[in-house]
Amino acid sequence: MPGLPLQNPRWEKFCHAYVRGPTAGNATASYLAAGFAADGTQGSSARVGAYKLMNKPVVSARITELQADVGQTEERAIAMATDRLALSQQMILGQFVRFGFAHMLDYVRRDEHGNTVIDLGAVTRDQAAGIVELTVTERGEGPNRVSQTRIKLCDRQAALVSLGKHFGLFNQKKEDQNPLRHLSAEELQRHNMELQQKIHGVQRGRAAAQAAEAQPAATDEGTSLANNAG
């Protein structure tokens, strides 16, 4: 009957040894682990005995059943691990969202005199996650007693950067393509001087070319004036 152990205990043990443990997939080792003698059945070797046992229909069917059970167990374990991982990622991203989008206006209000005061009465649990420090200071006694509340929010920029990296908002390749990005301060200064020299050289070349073009024109004009005077 499917799902039930084999009536022969050694056959059943052989099936389990072949499916699980250090002898899994090794018929000869499983054969010996099941308690069969090393010389096999009727004087044959353990390998021959394992081969004969593997080819028994009831044994083959039982191994198939156990392998299916192992496969289902592994699939359930993988599914559970995946769910836990997804839940952990979701929790971490959710916390980054609460940190990154915490806003000071969520924790203050205007009183009847128009003053801005801290009010944590309506703050939700998610909003409270953005507070990393809460300090309450009291001074004076009786009617002169004054209470002062201070809050400190988390590092919003770090949380937003982490979210941006997770969603691929920052293109690191573009930054790496900039050859100046990895230069030191001295190298940048030297590069700047070389660039300035090149610019001055181009400017001098243009000035010289313009002067050369203007000189023949002036000579021709002087020659024309001389001819007219003559």
C-alpha atoms as a PDB file:
ATOM      1  CA  MET A   1       0.000   0.000   0.000  1.00  0.00           C
ATOM      2  CA  PRO A   2       1.492   3.380  -0.984  1.00  0.00           C
ATOM      3  CA  GLY A   3       2.850   5.412   1.907  1.00  0.00           C
ATOM      4  CA  LEU A   4       3.310   2.447   4.239  1.00  0.00           C
ATOM      5  CA  PRO A   5       6.712   0.978   5.216  1.00  0.00           C
ATOM      6  CA  LEU A   6       7.789  -2.259   3.568  1.00  0.00           C
ATOM      7  CA  GLN A   7       7.157  -5.424   5.531  1.00  0.00           C
ATOM      8  CA  ASN A   8      10.818  -6.387   5.275  1.00  0.00           C
ATOM      9  CA  PRO A   9      12.674  -4.101   7.762  1.00  0.00           C
ATOM     10  CA  ARG A  10      15.970  -4.362   5.882  1.00  0.00           C
ATOM     11  CA  TRP A  11      14.361  -3.437   2.602  1.00  0.00           C
ATOM     12  CA  GLU A  12      12.738  -0.431   4.269  1.00  0.00           C
ATOM     13  CA  LYS A  13      16.050   0.577   5.831  1.00  0.00           C
ATOM     14  CA  PHE A  14      17.760   0.206   2.465  1.00  0.00           C
ATOM     15  CA  CYS A  15      15.214   2.549   0.868  1.00  0.00           C
ATOM     16  CA  HIS A  16      15.732   5.206   3.534  1.00  0.00           C
ATOM     17  CA  ALA A  17      19.520   4.896   3.326  1.00  0.00           C
ATOM     18  CA  TYR A  18      19.366   5.319  -0.437  1.00  0.00           C
ATOM     19  CA  VAL A  19      17.226   8.480  -0.164  1.00  0.00           C
ATOM     20  CA  ARG A  20      18.715  10.271   2.874  1.00  0.00           C
ATOM     21  CA  GLY A  21      21.988  10.556   4.709  1.00  0.00           C
ATOM     22  CA  PRO A  22      25.611   9.942   3.748  1.00  0.00           C
ATOM     23  CA  THR A  23      24.766   6.884   1.612  1.00  0.00           C
ATOM     24  CA  ALA A  24      22.063   8.644  -0.434  1.00  0.00           C
ATOM     25  CA  GLY A  25      22.291   7.714  -4.110  1.00  0.00           C
ATOM     26  CA  ASN A  26      24.793   4.927  -3.479  1.00  0.00           C
ATOM     27  CA  ALA A  27      23.053   1.552  -3.775  1.00  0.00           C
ATOM     28  CA  THR A  28      25.995  -0.514  -2.552  1.00  0.00           C
ATOM     29  CA  ALA A  29      26.642   1.669   0.510  1.00  0.00           C
ATOM     30  CA  SER A  30      22.906   1.721   1.271  1.00  0.00           C
ATOM     31  CA  TYR A  31      22.836  -2.052   0.935  1.00  0.00           C
ATOM     32  CA  LEU A  32      25.578  -2.415   3.533  1.00  0.00           C
ATOM     33  CA  ALA A  33      24.024   0.264   5.780  1.00  0.00           C
ATOM     34  CA  ALA A  34      20.772  -1.716   5.796  1.00  0.00           C
ATOM     35  CA  GLY A  35      22.603  -4.610   7.455  1.00  0.00           C
ATOM     36  CA  PHE A  36      23.134  -6.933   4.525  1.00  0.00           C
ATOM     37  CA  ALA A  37      26.347  -8.939   4.541  1.00  0.00           C
ATOM     38  CA  ALA A  38      29.242  -7.689   2.439  1.00  0.00           C
ATOM     39  CA  ASP A  39      29.223 -10.890   0.388  1.00  0.00           C
ATOM     40  CA  GLY A  40      25.623 -10.257  -0.636  1.00  0.00           C
ATOM     41  CA  THR A  41      22.930 -12.879  -1.173  1.00  0.00           C
ATOM     42  CA  GLN A  42      23.833 -16.464  -2.029  1.00  0.00           C
ATOM     43  CA  GLY A  43      27.539 -15.634  -2.322  1.00  0.00           C
ATOM     44  CA  SER A  44      27.163 -12.683  -4.742  1.00  0.00           C
ATOM     45  CA  SER A  45      28.900  -9.350  -4.111  1.00  0.00           C
ATOM     46  CA  ALA A  46      27.254  -6.470  -2.269  1.00  0.00           C
ATOM     47  CA  ARG A  47      27.037  -4.586  -5.536  1.00  0.00           C
ATOM     48  CA  VAL A  48      25.108  -7.382  -7.195  1.00  0.00           C
ATOM     49  CA  GLY A  49      22.865  -7.729  -4.147  1.00  0.00           C
ATOM     50  CA  ALA A  50      22.134  -3.997  -4.173  1.00  0.00           C
ATOM     51  CA  TYR A  51      21.373  -4.142  -7.900  1.00  0.00           C
ATOM     52  CA  LYS A  52      18.923  -7.007  -7.408  1.00  0.00           C
ATOM     53  CA  LEU A  53      17.248  -5.251  -4.500  1.00  0.00           C
ATOM     54  CA  MET A  54      16.930  -1.984  -6.441  1.00  0.00           C
ATOM     55  CA  ASN A  55      15.142  -3.822  -9.245  1.00  0.00           C
ATOM     56  CA  LYS A  56      12.449  -5.280  -6.992  1.00  0.00           C
ATOM     57  CA  PRO A  57       9.202  -3.463  -7.874  1.00  0.00           C
ATOM     58  CA  VAL A  58       8.183  -2.866  -4.243  1.00  0.00           C
ATOM     59  CA  VAL A  59      11.610  -1.474  -3.381  1.00  0.00           C
ATOM     60  CA  SER A  60      11.756   0.752  -6.456  1.00  0.00           C
ATOM     61  CA  ALA A  61       8.258   2.084  -5.747  1.00  0.00           C
ATOM     62  CA  ARG A  62       9.118   2.744  -2.102  1.00  0.00           C
ATOM     63  CA  ILE A  63      12.262   4.684  -3.065  1.00  0.00           C
ATOM     64  CA  THR A  64      10.199   6.789  -5.460  1.00  0.00           C
ATOM     65  CA  GLU A  65       7.725   7.573  -2.649  1.00  0.00           C
ATOM     66  CA  LEU A  66      10.488   8.565  -0.222  1.00  0.00           C
ATOM     67  CA  GLN A  67      12.203  10.737  -2.832  1.00  0.00           C
ATOM     68  CA  ALA A  68       8.920  12.520  -3.504  1.00  0.00           C
ATOM     69  CA  ASP A  69       8.506  13.135   0.226  1.00  0.00           C
ATOM     70  CA  VAL A  70      12.037  14.531   0.446  1.00  0.00           C
ATOM     71  CA  GLY A  71      11.404  16.794  -2.547  1.00  0.00           C
ATOM     72  CA  GLN A  72       8.208  18.154  -1.019  1.00  0.00           C
ATOM     73  CA  THR A  73       9.917  18.744   2.306  1.00  0.00           C
ATOM     74  CA  GLU A  74      12.734  20.647   0.626  1.00  0.00           C
ATOM     75  CA  GLU A  75      10.269  22.712  -1.395  1.00  0.00           C
ATOM     76  CA  ARG A  76       8.387  23.657   1.767  1.00  0.00           C
ATOM     77  CA  ALA A  77      11.637  24.563   3.500  1.00  0.00           C
ATOM     78  CA  ILE A  78      12.708  26.722   0.546  1.00  0.00           C
ATOM     79  CA  ALA A  79       9.307  28.406   0.437  1.00  0.00           C
ATOM     80  CA  MET A  80       9.449  29.159   4.152  1.00  0.00           C
ATOM     81  CA  ALA A  81      12.986  30.526   3.875  1.00  0.00           C
ATOM     82  CA  THR A  82      11.967  32.673   0.907  1.00  0.00           C
ATOM     83  CA  ASP A  83       8.960  34.026   2.804  1.00  0.00           C
ATOM     84  CA  ARG A  84      11.122  34.844   5.807  1.00  0.00           C
ATOM     85  CA  LEU A  85      13.664  36.570   3.599  1.00  0.00           C
ATOM     86  CA  ALA A  86      10.984  38.574   1.806  1.00  0.00           C
ATOM     87  CA  LEU A  87       9.449  39.530   5.151  1.00  0.00           C
ATOM     88  CA  SER A  88      12.830  40.620   6.484  1.00  0.00           C
ATOM     89  CA  GLN A  89      13.478  42.737   3.378  1.00  0.00           C
ATOM     90  CA  GLN A  90      10.026  44.260   3.620  1.00  0.00           C
ATOM     91  CA  MET A  91      10.526  45.124   7.273  1.00  0.00           C
ATOM     92  CA  ILE A  92      13.915  46.705   6.618  1.00  0.00           C
ATOM     93  CA  LEU A  93      12.653  48.731   3.655  1.00  0.00           C
ATOM     94  CA  GLY A  94       9.634  49.807   5.681  1.00  0.00           C
ATOM     95  CA  GLN A  95      11.892  51.052   8.451  1.00  0.00           C
ATOM     96  CA  PHE A  96      14.011  52.956   5.944  1.00  0.00           C
ATOM     97  CA  VAL A  97      10.833  54.557   4.591  1.00  0.00           C
ATOM     98  CA  ARG A  98       9.760  55.623   8.084  1.00  0.00           C
ATOM     99  CA  PHE A  99      13.209  57.067   8.758  1.00  0.00           C
ATOM    100  CA  GLY A 100      13.622  58.768   5.400  1.00  0.00           C
ATOM    101  CA  PHE A 101      10.216  60.451   5.306  1.00  0.00           C
ATOM    102  CA  ALA A 102       9.970  61.471   8.949  1.00  0.00           C
ATOM    103  CA  HIS A 103       8.936  65.138   9.038  1.00  0.00           C
ATOM    104  CA  MET A 104       9.124  67.652  11.860  1.00  0.00           C
ATOM    105  CA  LEU A 105       5.566  68.824  11.180  1.00  0.00           C
ATOM    106  CA  ASP A 106       4.305  65.397  12.241  1.00  0.00           C
ATOM    107  CA  TYR A 107       5.346  66.118  15.820  1.00  0.00           C
ATOM    108  CA  VAL A 108       4.394  69.767  16.393  1.00  0.00           C
ATOM    109  CA  ARG A 109       1.279  71.934  16.456  1.00  0.00           C
ATOM    110  CA  ARG A 110       0.225  75.519  17.080  1.00  0.00           C
ATOM    111  CA  ASP A 111      -1.187  76.305  20.525  1.00  0.00           C
ATOM    112  CA  GLU A 112      -3.874  78.874  21.296  1.00  0.00           C
ATOM    113  CA  HIS A 113      -1.246  81.620  21.445  1.00  0.00           C
ATOM    114  CA  GLY A 114       0.204  80.740  18.052  1.00  0.00           C
ATOM    115  CA  ASN A 115       3.343  79.186  19.479  1.00  0.00           C
ATOM    116  CA  THR A 116       4.823  76.045  18.026  1.00  0.00           C
ATOM    117  CA  VAL A 117       4.834  73.229  20.584  1.00  0.00           C
ATOM    118  CA  ILE A 118       5.738  69.569  20.436  1.00  0.00           C
ATOM    119  CA  ASP A 119       2.671  67.332  20.498  1.00  0.00           C
ATOM    120  CA  LEU A 120       3.188  63.579  20.531  1.00  0.00           C
ATOM    121  CA  GLY A 121      -0.409  62.758  21.425  1.00  0.00           C
ATOM    122  CA  ALA A 122      -1.481  61.988  17.859  1.00  0.00           C
ATOM    123  CA  VAL A 123       1.798  60.470  16.660  1.00  0.00           C
ATOM    124  CA  THR A 124       1.387  56.995  15.176  1.00  0.00           C
ATOM    125  CA  ARG A 125       3.769  54.118  15.738  1.00  0.00           C
ATOM    126  CA  ASP A 126       5.237  54.535  12.253  1.00  0.00           C
ATOM    127  CA  GLN A 127       5.792  58.248  12.806  1.00  0.00           C
ATOM    128  CA  ALA A 128       7.374  57.588  16.195  1.00  0.00           C
ATOM    129  CA  ALA A 129       9.983  55.418  14.464  1.00  0.00           C
ATOM    130  CA  GLY A 130      11.566  58.608  13.144  1.00  0.00           C
ATOM    131  CA  ILE A 131      12.361  59.845  16.667  1.00  0.00           C
ATOM    132  CA  VAL A 132      15.729  58.659  17.940  1.00  0.00           C
ATOM    133  CA  GLU A 133      15.900  60.817  21.056  1.00  0.00           C
ATOM    134  CA  LEU A 134      13.263  62.251  23.401  1.00  0.00           C
ATOM    135  CA  THR A 135      14.263  64.537  26.280  1.00  0.00           C
ATOM    136  CA  VAL A 136      11.891  66.043  28.849  1.00  0.00           C
ATOM    137  CA  THR A 137      13.325  68.709  31.173  1.00  0.00           C
ATOM    138  CA  GLU A 138      11.388  70.181  34.103  1.00  0.00           C
ATOM    139  CA  ARG A 139      12.316  73.293  36.068  1.00  0.00           C
ATOM    140  CA  GLY A 140      10.736  75.082  38.990  1.00  0.00           C
ATOM    141  CA  GLU A 141       8.117  74.044  41.520  1.00  0.00           C
ATOM    142  CA  GLY A 142       4.359  74.392  41.845  1.00  0.00           C
ATOM    143  CA  PRO A 143       2.697  76.896  39.513  1.00  0.00           C
ATOM    144  CA  ASN A 144       6.110  78.025  38.275  1.00  0.00           C
ATOM    145  CA  ARG A 145       6.986  74.573  37.096  1.00  0.00           C
ATOM    146  CA  VAL A 146       8.005  74.534  33.456  1.00  0.00           C
ATOM    147  CA  SER A 147       8.356  71.413  31.309  1.00  0.00           C
ATOM    148  CA  GLN A 148      10.415  71.430  28.135  1.00  0.00           C
ATOM    149  CA  THR A 149      10.354  68.612  25.558  1.00  0.00           C
ATOM    150  CA  ARG A 150      13.014  68.105  22.935  1.00  0.00           C
ATOM    151  CA  ILE A 151      13.049  65.517  20.160  1.00  0.00           C
ATOM    152  CA  LYS A 152      15.743  64.484  17.722  1.00  0.00           C
ATOM    153  CA  LEU A 153      14.892  62.910  14.415  1.00  0.00           C
ATOM    154  CA  CYS A 154      16.901  60.182  12.732  1.00  0.00           C
ATOM    155  CA  ASP A 155      19.365  60.644   9.886  1.00  0.00           C
ATOM    156  CA  ARG A 156      16.912  61.011   7.018  1.00  0.00           C
ATOM    157  CA  GLN A 157      19.583  61.359   4.342  1.00  0.00           C
ATOM    158  CA  ALA A 158      21.225  58.022   5.178  1.00  0.00           C
ATOM    159  CA  ALA A 159      17.855  56.263   5.029  1.00  0.00           C
ATOM    160  CA  LEU A 160      16.954  57.882   1.705  1.00  0.00           C
ATOM    161  CA  VAL A 161      20.347  56.982   0.239  1.00  0.00           C
ATOM    162  CA  SER A 162      19.833  53.357   1.276  1.00  0.00           C
ATOM    163  CA  LEU A 163      16.407  53.351  -0.368  1.00  0.00           C
ATOM    164  CA  GLY A 164      17.802  54.943  -3.506  1.00  0.00           C
ATOM    165  CA  LYS A 165      20.546  52.321  -3.781  1.00  0.00           C
ATOM    166  CA  HIS A 166      18.034  49.515  -3.265  1.00  0.00           C
ATOM    167  CA  PHE A 167      15.811  50.782  -6.087  1.00  0.00           C
ATOM    168  CA  GLY A 168      18.762  51.576  -8.378  1.00  0.00           C
ATOM    169  CA  LEU A 169      18.189  55.313  -8.476  1.00  0.00           C
ATOM    170  CA  PHE A 170      21.886  56.109  -8.529  1.00  0.00           C
ATOM    171  CA  ASN A 171      23.846  55.220 -11.657  1.00  0.00           C
ATOM    172  CA  GLN A 172      27.288  54.352 -10.367  1.00  0.00           C
ATOM    173  CA  LYS A 173      28.593  53.700 -13.901  1.00  0.00           C
ATOM    174  CA  LYS A 174      28.237  57.335 -14.886  1.00  0.00           C
ATOM    175  CA  GLU A 175      30.321  58.381 -11.904  1.00  0.00           C
ATOM    176  CA  ASP A 176      32.999  55.829 -12.747  1.00  0.00           C
ATOM    177  CA  GLN A 177      33.237  57.159 -16.312  1.00  0.00           C
ATOM    178  CA  ASN A 178      34.459  60.540 -15.023  1.00  0.00           C
ATOM    179  CA  PRO A 179      38.294  60.370 -15.162  1.00  0.00           C
ATOM    180  CA  LEU A 180      38.656  63.260 -12.694  1.00  0.00           C
ATOM    181  CA  ARG A 181      36.675  61.506  -9.990  1.00  0.00           C
ATOM    182  CA  HIS A 182      39.572  59.418  -8.730  1.00  0.00           C
ATOM    183  CA  LEU A 183      42.295  62.110  -8.915  1.00  0.00           C
ATOM    184  CA  SER A 184      43.914  63.546  -5.806  1.00  0.00           C
ATOM    185  CA  ALA A 185      43.963  67.272  -5.011  1.00  0.00           C
ATOM    186  CA  GLU A 186      47.507  67.629  -6.397  1.00  0.00           C
ATOM    187  CA  GLU A 187      46.627  65.760  -9.572  1.00  0.00           C
ATOM    188  CA  LEU A 188      43.547  67.926 -10.068  1.00  0.00           C
ATOM    189  CA  GLN A 189      45.640  71.089  -9.625  1.00  0.00           C
ATOM    190  CA  ARG A 190      48.235  69.861 -12.132  1.00  0.00           C
ATOM    191  CA  HIS A 191      45.495  68.911 -14.574  1.00  0.00           C
ATOM    192  CA  ASN A 192      43.971  72.377 -14.212  1.00  0.00           C
ATOM    193  CA  MET A 193      47.327  74.080 -14.910  1.00  0.00           C
ATOM    194  CA  GLU A 194      47.864  71.968 -18.028  1.00  0.00           C
ATOM    195  CA  LEU A 195      44.374  72.831 -19.214  1.00  0.00           C
ATOM    196  CA  GLN A 196      45.007  76.551 -18.668  1.00  0.00           C
ATOM    197  CA  GLN A 197      48.268  76.327 -20.636  1.00  0.00           C
ATOM    198  CA  LYS A 198      46.447  74.680 -23.515  1.00  0.00           C
ATOM    199  CA  ILE A 199      43.797  77.399 -23.493  1.00  0.00           C
ATOM    200  CA  HIS A 200      46.453  80.174 -23.495  1.00  0.00           C
ATOM    201  CA  GLY A 201      48.273  78.429 -26.328  1.00  0.00           C
ATOM    202  CA  VAL A 202      45.106  78.310 -28.416  1.00  0.00           C
ATOM    203  CA  GLN A 203      44.405  81.963 -27.694  1.00  0.00           C
ATOM    204  CA  ARG A 204      47.959  83.020 -28.686  1.00  0.00           C
ATOM    205  CA  GLY A 205      47.672  80.997 -31.880  1.00  0.00           C
ATOM    206  CA  ARG A 206      44.409  82.690 -32.805  1.00  0.00           C
ATOM    207  CA  ALA A 207      45.872  86.150 -32.060  1.00  0.00           C
ATOM    208  CA  ALA A 208      48.907  85.439 -34.243  1.00  0.00           C
ATOM    209  CA  ALA A 209      46.707  84.218 -37.090  1.00  0.00           C
ATOM    210  CA  GLN A 210      44.549  87.321 -36.907  1.00  0.00           C
ATOM    211  CA  ALA A 211      47.646  89.586 -36.929  1.00  0.00           C
ATOM    212  CA  ALA A 212      49.042  87.795 -39.953  1.00  0.00           C
ATOM    213  CA  GLU A 213      45.786  88.239 -41.838  1.00  0.00           C
ATOM    214  CA  ALA A 214      45.611  91.960 -40.990  1.00  0.00           C
ATOM    215  CA  GLN A 215      49.243  92.778 -42.056  1.00  0.00           C
ATOM    216  CA  PRO A 216      48.884  92.202 -45.846  1.00  0.00           C
ATOM    217  CA  ALA A 217      45.735  94.266 -45.872  1.00  0.00           C
ATOM    218  CA  ALA A 218      47.531  97.203 -44.264  1.00  0.00           C
ATOM    219  CA  THR A 219      50.454  96.912 -46.750  1.00  0.00           C
ATOM    220  CA  ASP A 220      48.130  96.893 -49.732  1.00  0.00           C
ATOM    221  CA  GLU A 221      46.354  99.952 -48.385  1.00  0.00           C
ATOM    222  CA  GLY A 222      49.672 101.813 -47.984  1.00  0.00           C
ATOM    223  CA  THR A 223      50.756 100.912 -51.519  1.00  0.00           C
ATOM    224  CA  SER A 224      47.476 102.171 -52.915  1.00  0.00           C
ATOM    225  CA  LEU A 225      47.862 105.492 -51.116  1.00  0.00           C
ATOM    226  CA  ALA A 226      51.402 105.902 -52.457  1.00  0.00           C
ATOM    227  CA  ASN A 227      50.287 105.282 -56.015  1.00  0.00           C
ATOM    228  CA  ASN A 228      47.524 107.828 -55.694  1.00  0.00           C
ATOM    229  CA  ALA A 229      49.959 110.388 -54.363  1.00  0.00           C
ATOM    230  CA  GLY A 230      52.254 109.844 -57.283  1.00  0.00           C
END
